[in-house]
Amino acid sequence: MTRPGNGPGAVPPWAAPPGPYDAVVLTGGRASRFGGEAKAQLRVGGRTLGERVVAAVVDADRTIVVGPAVRDVPVDLVTREEPPGGGPVAAIAAGLVGVRAPMVAVLAADMPFLDAATVRRLRSALAADRGAAVALPVDTDGRDQLLCAVWRTAALRAALAAVGGPAGVPLRSVLAAATGSVVRLTADRGGLPPWFDCDTPADLTAAREWREGSA
């Protein structure tokens, strides 16, 4: 990933020491397109999606899962949003209760190609910009990937407070309420896209084919 506007010879944003962080991994959702099977338990390349995402934050001080636990994967806390099914903003609010570090990675549990290097680049990009509230990747269509983001914890708490009750609130409204700037990192050309999420069976099939092709 590169930050838009970085010129030749510029210090890349991920060169900054990223500092300590916690991680909130969202495993909820109805998964109706998958016959009700939790997306975090779907497999790509012999591992569940939840395993892959938790492995990407193995160096976090604390890992909090919001929603069903990831089978056979130990974390520091498993909790649920209130009310259940209240959406990703409610889930983030529930996860933040267990966060202690100054930065927090907020991640969906359905990204089969997320890795520790991507999370570190986001953390370092945020650390390099003292005025930033959040760092997130932008996909090849120019869309912000809001559930593959690293926030300053205080900024996220303030944004959640600004939007009021979290149940049913659109996630983009939290980003709009952030008082700091947004660091957007564009995706590398080539390779497996770390922000890719499996929303549909077709996405899951594509992920499996890509993983097999890259093995």
N, C-alpha and C. Protein backbone atom coordinates (compact mmCIF):
# COMPACT_ATOMS: atom_id res chain seq x y z
N MET A 1 0.84 -1.18 0.00
CA MET A 1 0.00 0.00 0.00
C MET A 1 0.88 1.24 0.00
N THR A 2 0.44 2.30 -0.63
CA THR A 2 1.13 3.58 -0.61
C THR A 2 0.12 4.66 -0.30
N ARG A 3 0.60 5.70 0.32
CA ARG A 3 -0.30 6.79 0.64
C ARG A 3 -0.37 7.74 -0.55
N PRO A 4 -1.57 8.13 -0.97
CA PRO A 4 -1.67 9.06 -2.09
C PRO A 4 -0.88 10.33 -1.79
N GLY A 5 -0.12 10.79 -2.79
CA GLY A 5 0.63 12.03 -2.63
C GLY A 5 2.06 11.82 -2.22
N ASN A 6 2.46 10.60 -1.85
CA ASN A 6 3.85 10.35 -1.51
C ASN A 6 4.69 10.44 -2.78
N GLY A 7 5.67 11.31 -2.79
CA GLY A 7 6.53 11.47 -3.96
C GLY A 7 7.71 10.53 -3.90
N PRO A 8 8.51 10.49 -4.97
CA PRO A 8 9.69 9.64 -5.00
C PRO A 8 10.63 10.00 -3.86
N GLY A 9 11.08 9.00 -3.15
CA GLY A 9 12.02 9.23 -2.06
C GLY A 9 11.37 9.58 -0.74
N ALA A 10 10.03 9.77 -0.74
CA ALA A 10 9.35 10.10 0.51
C ALA A 10 9.38 8.91 1.45
N VAL A 11 9.40 9.20 2.75
CA VAL A 11 9.39 8.13 3.74
C VAL A 11 8.00 7.51 3.76
N PRO A 12 7.86 6.23 3.52
CA PRO A 12 6.53 5.62 3.51
C PRO A 12 5.90 5.71 4.90
N PRO A 13 4.56 5.84 4.98
CA PRO A 13 3.92 6.04 6.28
C PRO A 13 4.12 4.87 7.22
N TRP A 14 4.31 3.66 6.67
CA TRP A 14 4.45 2.51 7.57
C TRP A 14 5.87 2.41 8.15
N ALA A 15 6.73 3.38 7.85
CA ALA A 15 8.06 3.38 8.46
C ALA A 15 8.01 3.86 9.90
N ALA A 16 6.94 4.55 10.30
CA ALA A 16 6.82 5.05 11.66
C ALA A 16 6.58 3.90 12.64
N PRO A 17 7.18 3.96 13.85
CA PRO A 17 6.89 2.93 14.85
C PRO A 17 5.40 2.96 15.19
N PRO A 18 4.71 1.85 15.06
CA PRO A 18 3.25 1.90 15.20
C PRO A 18 2.75 1.97 16.64
N GLY A 19 3.50 1.48 17.62
CA GLY A 19 3.04 1.51 19.00
C GLY A 19 2.04 0.42 19.32
N PRO A 20 1.62 0.34 20.59
CA PRO A 20 0.71 -0.72 21.03
C PRO A 20 -0.70 -0.53 20.49
N TYR A 21 -1.41 -1.64 20.37
CA TYR A 21 -2.80 -1.56 19.90
C TYR A 21 -3.58 -2.76 20.39
N ASP A 22 -4.89 -2.62 20.40
CA ASP A 22 -5.82 -3.72 20.62
C ASP A 22 -6.55 -3.99 19.32
N ALA A 23 -7.28 -5.08 19.26
CA ALA A 23 -8.03 -5.44 18.07
C ALA A 23 -9.45 -5.83 18.44
N VAL A 24 -10.40 -5.33 17.66
CA VAL A 24 -11.81 -5.72 17.77
C VAL A 24 -12.19 -6.42 16.48
N VAL A 25 -12.57 -7.68 16.58
CA VAL A 25 -12.91 -8.51 15.42
C VAL A 25 -14.41 -8.80 15.46
N LEU A 26 -15.11 -8.42 14.40
CA LEU A 26 -16.56 -8.58 14.36
C LEU A 26 -16.92 -9.88 13.65
N THR A 27 -17.56 -10.79 14.37
CA THR A 27 -17.91 -12.10 13.82
C THR A 27 -19.41 -12.29 13.66
N GLY A 28 -20.19 -11.26 13.95
CA GLY A 28 -21.65 -11.39 13.91
C GLY A 28 -22.21 -11.24 12.52
N GLY A 29 -23.50 -10.98 12.46
CA GLY A 29 -24.20 -10.90 11.17
C GLY A 29 -25.01 -12.15 10.92
N ARG A 30 -26.08 -12.02 10.15
CA ARG A 30 -27.00 -13.14 9.95
C ARG A 30 -26.46 -14.20 9.00
N ALA A 31 -25.57 -13.84 8.11
CA ALA A 31 -24.98 -14.78 7.14
C ALA A 31 -26.08 -15.57 6.40
N SER A 32 -27.19 -14.91 6.10
CA SER A 32 -28.31 -15.59 5.46
C SER A 32 -27.93 -16.14 4.09
N ARG A 33 -26.99 -15.50 3.40
CA ARG A 33 -26.58 -15.99 2.09
C ARG A 33 -25.78 -17.28 2.18
N PHE A 34 -25.33 -17.62 3.37
CA PHE A 34 -24.55 -18.85 3.57
C PHE A 34 -25.35 -19.89 4.35
N GLY A 35 -26.67 -19.79 4.28
CA GLY A 35 -27.52 -20.75 4.96
C GLY A 35 -27.46 -20.65 6.46
N GLY A 36 -27.08 -19.48 6.97
CA GLY A 36 -27.01 -19.28 8.41
C GLY A 36 -25.69 -19.66 9.04
N GLU A 37 -24.78 -20.26 8.30
CA GLU A 37 -23.48 -20.61 8.85
C GLU A 37 -22.66 -19.35 9.05
N ALA A 38 -22.09 -19.19 10.25
CA ALA A 38 -21.32 -17.98 10.55
C ALA A 38 -20.17 -17.84 9.57
N LYS A 39 -20.03 -16.64 8.99
CA LYS A 39 -18.99 -16.44 7.99
C LYS A 39 -17.60 -16.68 8.57
N ALA A 40 -17.41 -16.38 9.84
CA ALA A 40 -16.08 -16.57 10.45
C ALA A 40 -15.66 -18.03 10.45
N GLN A 41 -16.61 -18.96 10.30
CA GLN A 41 -16.29 -20.39 10.32
C GLN A 41 -16.13 -20.97 8.92
N LEU A 42 -16.36 -20.18 7.89
CA LEU A 42 -16.14 -20.66 6.52
C LEU A 42 -14.64 -20.81 6.26
N ARG A 43 -14.28 -21.76 5.42
CA ARG A 43 -12.86 -22.08 5.22
C ARG A 43 -12.35 -21.63 3.85
N VAL A 44 -11.15 -21.12 3.87
CA VAL A 44 -10.39 -20.81 2.66
C VAL A 44 -8.97 -21.32 2.90
N GLY A 45 -8.50 -22.18 2.02
CA GLY A 45 -7.14 -22.69 2.16
C GLY A 45 -6.90 -23.47 3.44
N GLY A 46 -7.93 -24.19 3.91
CA GLY A 46 -7.77 -25.05 5.08
C GLY A 46 -7.91 -24.35 6.42
N ARG A 47 -8.13 -23.04 6.44
CA ARG A 47 -8.32 -22.31 7.69
C ARG A 47 -9.60 -21.51 7.61
N THR A 48 -10.24 -21.30 8.76
CA THR A 48 -11.46 -20.50 8.75
C THR A 48 -11.11 -19.03 8.56
N LEU A 49 -12.09 -18.28 8.07
CA LEU A 49 -11.88 -16.84 7.90
C LEU A 49 -11.57 -16.18 9.24
N GLY A 50 -12.26 -16.61 10.28
CA GLY A 50 -12.00 -16.05 11.61
C GLY A 50 -10.58 -16.31 12.07
N GLU A 51 -10.09 -17.51 11.85
CA GLU A 51 -8.70 -17.82 12.20
C GLU A 51 -7.73 -16.90 11.49
N ARG A 52 -7.97 -16.67 10.22
CA ARG A 52 -7.06 -15.85 9.42
C ARG A 52 -7.03 -14.41 9.92
N VAL A 53 -8.19 -13.86 10.24
CA VAL A 53 -8.23 -12.48 10.71
C VAL A 53 -7.59 -12.35 12.09
N VAL A 54 -7.88 -13.26 13.00
CA VAL A 54 -7.26 -13.20 14.33
C VAL A 54 -5.75 -13.37 14.22
N ALA A 55 -5.28 -14.20 13.30
CA ALA A 55 -3.84 -14.39 13.11
C ALA A 55 -3.18 -13.10 12.64
N ALA A 56 -3.91 -12.25 11.94
CA ALA A 56 -3.35 -10.99 11.45
C ALA A 56 -3.12 -9.99 12.56
N VAL A 57 -3.72 -10.21 13.74
CA VAL A 57 -3.54 -9.30 14.87
C VAL A 57 -2.95 -10.05 16.07
N VAL A 58 -2.11 -11.03 15.78
CA VAL A 58 -1.54 -11.85 16.84
C VAL A 58 -0.67 -11.03 17.78
N ASP A 59 -0.15 -9.88 17.32
CA ASP A 59 0.69 -9.04 18.17
C ASP A 59 -0.10 -7.97 18.91
N ALA A 60 -1.42 -7.98 18.82
CA ALA A 60 -2.23 -7.03 19.57
C ALA A 60 -2.11 -7.29 21.07
N ASP A 61 -2.18 -6.22 21.85
CA ASP A 61 -2.17 -6.40 23.31
C ASP A 61 -3.39 -7.19 23.77
N ARG A 62 -4.54 -6.85 23.23
CA ARG A 62 -5.77 -7.56 23.55
C ARG A 62 -6.56 -7.75 22.27
N THR A 63 -7.19 -8.90 22.13
CA THR A 63 -8.08 -9.17 21.00
C THR A 63 -9.48 -9.45 21.53
N ILE A 64 -10.43 -8.67 21.06
CA ILE A 64 -11.82 -8.78 21.50
C ILE A 64 -12.66 -9.23 20.31
N VAL A 65 -13.38 -10.31 20.46
CA VAL A 65 -14.31 -10.79 19.44
C VAL A 65 -15.72 -10.35 19.83
N VAL A 66 -16.42 -9.74 18.88
CA VAL A 66 -17.80 -9.35 19.10
C VAL A 66 -18.67 -10.22 18.20
N GLY A 67 -19.44 -11.10 18.82
CA GLY A 67 -20.23 -12.07 18.08
C GLY A 67 -19.84 -13.47 18.51
N PRO A 68 -20.18 -14.47 17.71
CA PRO A 68 -19.81 -15.85 18.05
C PRO A 68 -18.29 -16.00 18.14
N ALA A 69 -17.85 -16.79 19.11
CA ALA A 69 -16.41 -17.06 19.26
C ALA A 69 -15.88 -17.77 18.02
N VAL A 70 -14.61 -17.52 17.71
CA VAL A 70 -13.95 -18.23 16.62
C VAL A 70 -13.48 -19.57 17.18
N ARG A 71 -13.99 -20.65 16.63
CA ARG A 71 -13.75 -21.98 17.17
C ARG A 71 -12.25 -22.28 17.27
N ASP A 72 -11.83 -22.72 18.46
CA ASP A 72 -10.45 -23.16 18.72
C ASP A 72 -9.42 -22.04 18.59
N VAL A 73 -9.86 -20.79 18.67
CA VAL A 73 -8.95 -19.65 18.61
C VAL A 73 -9.09 -18.85 19.90
N PRO A 74 -8.08 -18.88 20.79
CA PRO A 74 -8.19 -18.13 22.05
C PRO A 74 -8.05 -16.64 21.83
N VAL A 75 -8.89 -15.86 22.49
CA VAL A 75 -8.81 -14.40 22.47
C VAL A 75 -9.00 -13.92 23.91
N ASP A 76 -8.90 -12.61 24.11
CA ASP A 76 -8.98 -12.08 25.48
C ASP A 76 -10.41 -11.88 25.96
N LEU A 77 -11.33 -11.62 25.03
CA LEU A 77 -12.70 -11.36 25.41
C LEU A 77 -13.62 -11.68 24.25
N VAL A 78 -14.75 -12.33 24.55
CA VAL A 78 -15.82 -12.53 23.58
C VAL A 78 -17.06 -11.86 24.15
N THR A 79 -17.67 -10.99 23.36
CA THR A 79 -18.84 -10.26 23.82
C THR A 79 -19.84 -10.15 22.68
N ARG A 80 -20.98 -9.53 22.93
CA ARG A 80 -22.01 -9.36 21.89
C ARG A 80 -22.49 -7.92 21.89
N GLU A 81 -22.95 -7.48 20.73
CA GLU A 81 -23.52 -6.15 20.63
C GLU A 81 -24.89 -6.13 21.28
N GLU A 82 -25.35 -4.92 21.60
CA GLU A 82 -26.66 -4.76 22.22
C GLU A 82 -27.45 -3.71 21.44
N PRO A 83 -28.59 -4.11 20.88
CA PRO A 83 -29.18 -5.45 20.91
C PRO A 83 -28.48 -6.37 19.92
N PRO A 84 -28.62 -7.69 20.12
CA PRO A 84 -28.04 -8.62 19.13
C PRO A 84 -28.60 -8.34 17.74
N GLY A 85 -27.71 -8.32 16.74
CA GLY A 85 -28.13 -8.00 15.40
C GLY A 85 -28.26 -6.51 15.15
N GLY A 86 -27.71 -5.71 16.07
CA GLY A 86 -27.84 -4.25 15.97
C GLY A 86 -26.94 -3.61 14.94
N GLY A 87 -26.10 -4.42 14.27
CA GLY A 87 -25.27 -3.88 13.20
C GLY A 87 -23.84 -3.63 13.63
N PRO A 88 -22.97 -3.28 12.68
CA PRO A 88 -21.54 -3.16 12.97
C PRO A 88 -21.20 -2.03 13.94
N VAL A 89 -21.95 -0.93 13.91
CA VAL A 89 -21.63 0.17 14.84
C VAL A 89 -21.91 -0.26 16.28
N ALA A 90 -23.03 -0.95 16.48
CA ALA A 90 -23.31 -1.48 17.82
C ALA A 90 -22.25 -2.49 18.25
N ALA A 91 -21.77 -3.30 17.30
CA ALA A 91 -20.73 -4.28 17.61
C ALA A 91 -19.42 -3.60 17.98
N ILE A 92 -19.06 -2.55 17.25
CA ILE A 92 -17.84 -1.82 17.57
C ILE A 92 -17.94 -1.20 18.96
N ALA A 93 -19.09 -0.62 19.26
CA ALA A 93 -19.29 -0.02 20.59
C ALA A 93 -19.13 -1.07 21.69
N ALA A 94 -19.65 -2.27 21.46
CA ALA A 94 -19.52 -3.34 22.46
C ALA A 94 -18.06 -3.76 22.61
N GLY A 95 -17.34 -3.85 21.50
CA GLY A 95 -15.95 -4.25 21.57
C GLY A 95 -15.07 -3.23 22.25
N LEU A 96 -15.39 -1.95 22.07
CA LEU A 96 -14.57 -0.89 22.66
C LEU A 96 -14.56 -0.93 24.19
N VAL A 97 -15.56 -1.55 24.77
CA VAL A 97 -15.59 -1.66 26.23
C VAL A 97 -14.34 -2.37 26.74
N GLY A 98 -13.83 -3.32 25.96
CA GLY A 98 -12.65 -4.08 26.39
C GLY A 98 -11.33 -3.52 25.91
N VAL A 99 -11.36 -2.39 25.18
CA VAL A 99 -10.13 -1.83 24.60
C VAL A 99 -9.42 -0.94 25.61
N ARG A 100 -8.10 -1.11 25.72
CA ARG A 100 -7.29 -0.31 26.63
C ARG A 100 -6.17 0.44 25.93
N ALA A 101 -5.75 -0.02 24.77
CA ALA A 101 -4.60 0.56 24.06
C ALA A 101 -5.01 1.87 23.37
N PRO A 102 -4.04 2.71 23.02
CA PRO A 102 -4.35 3.98 22.37
C PRO A 102 -4.79 3.85 20.92
N MET A 103 -4.52 2.71 20.29
CA MET A 103 -5.00 2.44 18.95
C MET A 103 -5.78 1.13 18.96
N VAL A 104 -6.72 1.03 18.02
CA VAL A 104 -7.52 -0.20 17.93
C VAL A 104 -7.77 -0.53 16.46
N ALA A 105 -7.48 -1.76 16.09
CA ALA A 105 -7.83 -2.28 14.77
C ALA A 105 -9.27 -2.77 14.82
N VAL A 106 -10.09 -2.31 13.89
CA VAL A 106 -11.49 -2.72 13.80
C VAL A 106 -11.63 -3.52 12.51
N LEU A 107 -11.93 -4.82 12.65
CA LEU A 107 -11.84 -5.73 11.51
C LEU A 107 -13.06 -6.64 11.42
N ALA A 108 -13.56 -6.81 10.21
CA ALA A 108 -14.55 -7.86 9.98
C ALA A 108 -13.84 -9.20 9.93
N ALA A 109 -14.56 -10.25 10.31
CA ALA A 109 -13.94 -11.59 10.37
C ALA A 109 -14.13 -12.38 9.10
N ASP A 110 -14.37 -11.69 7.97
CA ASP A 110 -14.63 -12.42 6.73
C ASP A 110 -13.63 -12.06 5.63
N MET A 111 -12.42 -11.65 6.03
CA MET A 111 -11.39 -11.24 5.07
C MET A 111 -10.30 -12.30 4.98
N PRO A 112 -10.33 -13.16 3.96
CA PRO A 112 -9.42 -14.30 3.91
C PRO A 112 -7.97 -13.95 3.61
N PHE A 113 -7.71 -12.73 3.12
CA PHE A 113 -6.35 -12.38 2.72
C PHE A 113 -5.72 -11.31 3.61
N LEU A 114 -6.41 -10.93 4.66
CA LEU A 114 -5.83 -9.97 5.60
C LEU A 114 -4.60 -10.60 6.26
N ASP A 115 -3.53 -9.80 6.42
CA ASP A 115 -2.33 -10.32 7.06
C ASP A 115 -1.75 -9.29 8.02
N ALA A 116 -0.78 -9.72 8.82
CA ALA A 116 -0.19 -8.86 9.83
C ALA A 116 0.51 -7.66 9.20
N ALA A 117 1.10 -7.84 8.02
CA ALA A 117 1.80 -6.73 7.37
C ALA A 117 0.84 -5.60 7.02
N THR A 118 -0.35 -5.94 6.58
CA THR A 118 -1.35 -4.92 6.24
C THR A 118 -1.78 -4.16 7.49
N VAL A 119 -2.03 -4.88 8.57
CA VAL A 119 -2.44 -4.23 9.82
C VAL A 119 -1.32 -3.31 10.31
N ARG A 120 -0.08 -3.77 10.22
CA ARG A 120 1.04 -2.94 10.67
C ARG A 120 1.17 -1.68 9.81
N ARG A 121 0.96 -1.79 8.52
CA ARG A 121 1.04 -0.61 7.66
C ARG A 121 -0.03 0.41 8.03
N LEU A 122 -1.22 -0.07 8.31
CA LEU A 122 -2.28 0.84 8.75
C LEU A 122 -1.93 1.50 10.08
N ARG A 123 -1.42 0.72 11.01
CA ARG A 123 -1.03 1.28 12.31
C ARG A 123 0.08 2.31 12.16
N SER A 124 1.06 2.00 11.34
CA SER A 124 2.19 2.90 11.16
C SER A 124 1.77 4.18 10.43
N ALA A 125 0.87 4.04 9.45
CA ALA A 125 0.37 5.22 8.74
C ALA A 125 -0.38 6.14 9.69
N LEU A 126 -1.14 5.57 10.61
CA LEU A 126 -1.85 6.37 11.60
C LEU A 126 -0.88 7.04 12.56
N ALA A 127 0.13 6.29 13.00
CA ALA A 127 1.13 6.84 13.92
C ALA A 127 1.90 7.99 13.28
N ALA A 128 2.08 7.94 11.96
CA ALA A 128 2.87 8.96 11.27
C ALA A 128 2.11 10.27 11.10
N ASP A 129 0.81 10.26 11.27
CA ASP A 129 -0.01 11.46 11.09
C ASP A 129 -0.71 11.76 12.41
N ARG A 130 -0.16 12.68 13.16
CA ARG A 130 -0.69 12.95 14.50
C ARG A 130 -2.09 13.54 14.48
N GLY A 131 -2.49 14.12 13.36
CA GLY A 131 -3.81 14.70 13.28
C GLY A 131 -4.87 13.75 12.76
N ALA A 132 -4.48 12.51 12.49
CA ALA A 132 -5.42 11.56 11.91
C ALA A 132 -6.19 10.81 12.99
N ALA A 133 -7.45 10.53 12.67
CA ALA A 133 -8.30 9.73 13.56
C ALA A 133 -8.26 8.26 13.19
N VAL A 134 -8.07 7.96 11.89
CA VAL A 134 -8.19 6.59 11.42
C VAL A 134 -7.37 6.40 10.16
N ALA A 135 -6.86 5.21 9.97
CA ALA A 135 -6.21 4.80 8.72
C ALA A 135 -6.96 3.60 8.18
N LEU A 136 -7.23 3.64 6.87
CA LEU A 136 -7.97 2.54 6.27
C LEU A 136 -7.54 2.37 4.81
N PRO A 137 -7.73 1.17 4.26
CA PRO A 137 -7.40 0.96 2.85
C PRO A 137 -8.55 1.37 1.95
N VAL A 138 -8.19 1.73 0.74
CA VAL A 138 -9.16 2.03 -0.31
C VAL A 138 -9.01 0.95 -1.38
N ASP A 139 -10.12 0.35 -1.77
CA ASP A 139 -10.03 -0.75 -2.73
C ASP A 139 -9.82 -0.23 -4.15
N THR A 140 -9.75 -1.12 -5.10
CA THR A 140 -9.43 -0.74 -6.47
C THR A 140 -10.54 0.07 -7.14
N ASP A 141 -11.73 0.09 -6.53
CA ASP A 141 -12.82 0.92 -7.04
C ASP A 141 -12.92 2.26 -6.30
N GLY A 142 -11.95 2.52 -5.41
CA GLY A 142 -11.93 3.78 -4.69
C GLY A 142 -12.81 3.82 -3.47
N ARG A 143 -13.27 2.69 -2.99
CA ARG A 143 -14.16 2.66 -1.83
C ARG A 143 -13.38 2.45 -0.54
N ASP A 144 -13.75 3.21 0.49
CA ASP A 144 -13.16 3.02 1.81
C ASP A 144 -13.56 1.66 2.37
N GLN A 145 -12.59 0.95 2.93
CA GLN A 145 -12.87 -0.33 3.57
C GLN A 145 -12.94 -0.09 5.08
N LEU A 146 -14.16 0.19 5.54
CA LEU A 146 -14.36 0.68 6.90
C LEU A 146 -14.17 -0.39 7.96
N LEU A 147 -14.29 -1.66 7.59
CA LEU A 147 -14.07 -2.74 8.56
C LEU A 147 -12.73 -3.41 8.34
N CYS A 148 -11.77 -2.61 7.88
CA CYS A 148 -10.37 -3.03 7.81
C CYS A 148 -9.56 -1.80 8.18
N ALA A 149 -9.81 -1.26 9.37
CA ALA A 149 -9.32 0.06 9.74
C ALA A 149 -8.60 0.03 11.08
N VAL A 150 -7.71 1.00 11.26
CA VAL A 150 -7.07 1.21 12.56
C VAL A 150 -7.39 2.63 13.01
N TRP A 151 -7.96 2.74 14.19
CA TRP A 151 -8.40 4.01 14.76
C TRP A 151 -7.54 4.40 15.96
N ARG A 152 -7.45 5.70 16.21
CA ARG A 152 -7.06 6.15 17.54
C ARG A 152 -8.28 5.89 18.43
N THR A 153 -8.05 5.21 19.53
CA THR A 153 -9.17 4.77 20.36
C THR A 153 -10.03 5.94 20.83
N ALA A 154 -9.39 7.02 21.27
CA ALA A 154 -10.14 8.19 21.75
C ALA A 154 -10.99 8.78 20.63
N ALA A 155 -10.45 8.82 19.41
CA ALA A 155 -11.21 9.37 18.28
C ALA A 155 -12.42 8.51 17.95
N LEU A 156 -12.27 7.20 18.04
CA LEU A 156 -13.39 6.31 17.76
C LEU A 156 -14.46 6.43 18.83
N ARG A 157 -14.04 6.50 20.08
CA ARG A 157 -15.03 6.68 21.15
C ARG A 157 -15.80 7.98 20.94
N ALA A 158 -15.10 9.05 20.59
CA ALA A 158 -15.75 10.34 20.40
C ALA A 158 -16.71 10.30 19.21
N ALA A 159 -16.31 9.64 18.13
CA ALA A 159 -17.17 9.54 16.95
C ALA A 159 -18.44 8.75 17.27
N LEU A 160 -18.29 7.67 18.02
CA LEU A 160 -19.46 6.89 18.41
C LEU A 160 -20.40 7.70 19.29
N ALA A 161 -19.84 8.48 20.21
CA ALA A 161 -20.67 9.33 21.06
C ALA A 161 -21.40 10.38 20.24
N ALA A 162 -20.74 10.86 19.19
CA ALA A 162 -21.34 11.91 18.36
C ALA A 162 -22.54 11.42 17.56
N VAL A 163 -22.55 10.14 17.17
CA VAL A 163 -23.66 9.63 16.37
C VAL A 163 -24.81 9.12 17.22
N GLY A 164 -24.66 9.13 18.54
CA GLY A 164 -25.73 8.71 19.42
C GLY A 164 -25.81 7.20 19.55
N GLY A 165 -27.00 6.68 19.82
CA GLY A 165 -27.18 5.24 20.00
C GLY A 165 -26.70 4.47 18.80
N PRO A 166 -25.88 3.44 19.00
CA PRO A 166 -25.23 2.79 17.86
C PRO A 166 -26.09 1.83 17.07
N ALA A 167 -27.16 1.30 17.64
CA ALA A 167 -27.93 0.28 16.94
C ALA A 167 -28.55 0.85 15.67
N GLY A 168 -28.24 0.22 14.53
CA GLY A 168 -28.81 0.63 13.28
C GLY A 168 -28.15 1.83 12.63
N VAL A 169 -27.15 2.42 13.26
CA VAL A 169 -26.46 3.59 12.69
C VAL A 169 -25.55 3.13 11.56
N PRO A 170 -25.55 3.79 10.41
CA PRO A 170 -24.63 3.41 9.32
C PRO A 170 -23.18 3.63 9.74
N LEU A 171 -22.33 2.70 9.37
CA LEU A 171 -20.93 2.79 9.74
C LEU A 171 -20.28 4.04 9.16
N ARG A 172 -20.69 4.44 7.98
CA ARG A 172 -20.09 5.62 7.36
C ARG A 172 -20.35 6.88 8.17
N SER A 173 -21.42 6.91 8.93
CA SER A 173 -21.70 8.09 9.74
C SER A 173 -20.68 8.25 10.86
N VAL A 174 -20.12 7.13 11.32
CA VAL A 174 -19.07 7.20 12.35
C VAL A 174 -17.82 7.83 11.75
N LEU A 175 -17.48 7.42 10.54
CA LEU A 175 -16.33 8.02 9.87
C LEU A 175 -16.55 9.52 9.67
N ALA A 176 -17.76 9.90 9.27
CA ALA A 176 -18.06 11.32 9.05
C ALA A 176 -17.99 12.12 10.34
N ALA A 177 -18.25 11.47 11.48
CA ALA A 177 -18.23 12.17 12.76
C ALA A 177 -16.84 12.28 13.36
N ALA A 178 -15.86 11.62 12.77
CA ALA A 178 -14.50 11.65 13.31
C ALA A 178 -13.94 13.06 13.25
N THR A 179 -13.30 13.52 14.32
CA THR A 179 -12.81 14.88 14.38
C THR A 179 -11.42 15.01 13.75
N GLY A 180 -10.70 13.92 13.56
CA GLY A 180 -9.40 13.98 12.92
C GLY A 180 -9.50 13.64 11.44
N SER A 181 -8.38 13.71 10.76
CA SER A 181 -8.35 13.39 9.34
C SER A 181 -8.37 11.88 9.13
N VAL A 182 -8.57 11.48 7.89
CA VAL A 182 -8.59 10.07 7.51
C VAL A 182 -7.39 9.80 6.60
N VAL A 183 -6.57 8.83 6.99
CA VAL A 183 -5.44 8.41 6.15
C VAL A 183 -5.93 7.27 5.29
N ARG A 184 -5.90 7.48 3.99
CA ARG A 184 -6.36 6.45 3.06
C ARG A 184 -5.15 5.87 2.33
N LEU A 185 -5.02 4.55 2.38
CA LEU A 185 -3.93 3.86 1.71
C LEU A 185 -4.48 3.11 0.51
N THR A 186 -3.90 3.33 -0.62
CA THR A 186 -4.37 2.65 -1.83
C THR A 186 -3.77 1.26 -1.92
N ALA A 187 -4.51 0.36 -2.55
CA ALA A 187 -4.09 -1.03 -2.62
C ALA A 187 -2.91 -1.20 -3.56
N ASP A 188 -2.02 -2.13 -3.20
CA ASP A 188 -0.93 -2.50 -4.09
C ASP A 188 -1.50 -3.12 -5.36
N ARG A 189 -0.81 -2.95 -6.45
CA ARG A 189 -1.20 -3.65 -7.68
C ARG A 189 -0.72 -5.09 -7.61
N GLY A 190 -1.59 -5.99 -7.96
CA GLY A 190 -1.21 -7.40 -7.91
C GLY A 190 -1.34 -7.96 -6.50
N GLY A 191 -1.22 -9.28 -6.39
CA GLY A 191 -1.34 -9.93 -5.10
C GLY A 191 -2.79 -10.09 -4.68
N LEU A 192 -2.99 -10.77 -3.57
CA LEU A 192 -4.33 -11.01 -3.06
C LEU A 192 -4.76 -9.79 -2.25
N PRO A 193 -5.93 -9.24 -2.52
CA PRO A 193 -6.35 -8.00 -1.85
C PRO A 193 -6.68 -8.23 -0.38
N PRO A 194 -5.95 -7.62 0.54
CA PRO A 194 -6.17 -7.89 1.97
C PRO A 194 -7.52 -7.43 2.47
N TRP A 195 -8.14 -6.45 1.80
CA TRP A 195 -9.41 -5.92 2.24
C TRP A 195 -10.60 -6.71 1.67
N PHE A 196 -10.35 -7.69 0.82
CA PHE A 196 -11.44 -8.43 0.18
C PHE A 196 -12.24 -9.18 1.24
N ASP A 197 -13.59 -9.02 1.20
CA ASP A 197 -14.43 -9.72 2.17
C ASP A 197 -15.41 -10.64 1.44
N CYS A 198 -15.82 -11.67 2.14
CA CYS A 198 -16.68 -12.69 1.55
C CYS A 198 -18.12 -12.42 1.95
N ASP A 199 -18.79 -11.59 1.17
CA ASP A 199 -20.19 -11.25 1.45
C ASP A 199 -21.16 -12.25 0.86
N THR A 200 -20.74 -12.96 -0.20
CA THR A 200 -21.63 -13.86 -0.91
C THR A 200 -20.92 -15.19 -1.17
N PRO A 201 -21.67 -16.24 -1.49
CA PRO A 201 -21.03 -17.50 -1.87
C PRO A 201 -20.08 -17.33 -3.06
N ALA A 202 -20.43 -16.44 -3.99
CA ALA A 202 -19.54 -16.20 -5.13
C ALA A 202 -18.21 -15.61 -4.67
N ASP A 203 -18.25 -14.71 -3.67
CA ASP A 203 -17.02 -14.16 -3.11
C ASP A 203 -16.17 -15.27 -2.50
N LEU A 204 -16.83 -16.17 -1.77
CA LEU A 204 -16.10 -17.25 -1.12
C LEU A 204 -15.46 -18.16 -2.16
N THR A 205 -16.19 -18.48 -3.22
CA THR A 205 -15.63 -19.31 -4.30
C THR A 205 -14.42 -18.63 -4.93
N ALA A 206 -14.54 -17.32 -5.19
CA ALA A 206 -13.42 -16.58 -5.78
C ALA A 206 -12.21 -16.60 -4.85
N ALA A 207 -12.45 -16.41 -3.56
CA ALA A 207 -11.34 -16.41 -2.60
C ALA A 207 -10.62 -17.75 -2.59
N ARG A 208 -11.40 -18.83 -2.63
CA ARG A 208 -10.78 -20.16 -2.64
C ARG A 208 -9.97 -20.38 -3.91
N GLU A 209 -10.50 -19.93 -5.02
CA GLU A 209 -9.77 -20.09 -6.29
C GLU A 209 -8.50 -19.26 -6.29
N TRP A 210 -8.57 -18.02 -5.79
CA TRP A 210 -7.38 -17.17 -5.73
C TRP A 210 -6.33 -17.77 -4.81
N ARG A 211 -6.79 -18.28 -3.66
CA ARG A 211 -5.84 -18.87 -2.72
C ARG A 211 -5.16 -20.08 -3.32
N GLU A 212 -5.90 -20.92 -3.98
CA GLU A 212 -5.32 -22.09 -4.61
C GLU A 212 -4.34 -21.68 -5.72
N GLY A 213 -4.69 -20.65 -6.46
CA GLY A 213 -3.83 -20.21 -7.54
C GLY A 213 -2.55 -19.57 -7.07
N SER A 214 -2.56 -19.03 -5.83
CA SER A 214 -1.35 -18.39 -5.31
C SER A 214 -0.47 -19.34 -4.51
N ALA A 215 -0.98 -20.55 -4.25
CA ALA A 215 -0.23 -21.49 -3.41
C ALA A 215 1.00 -22.01 -4.15
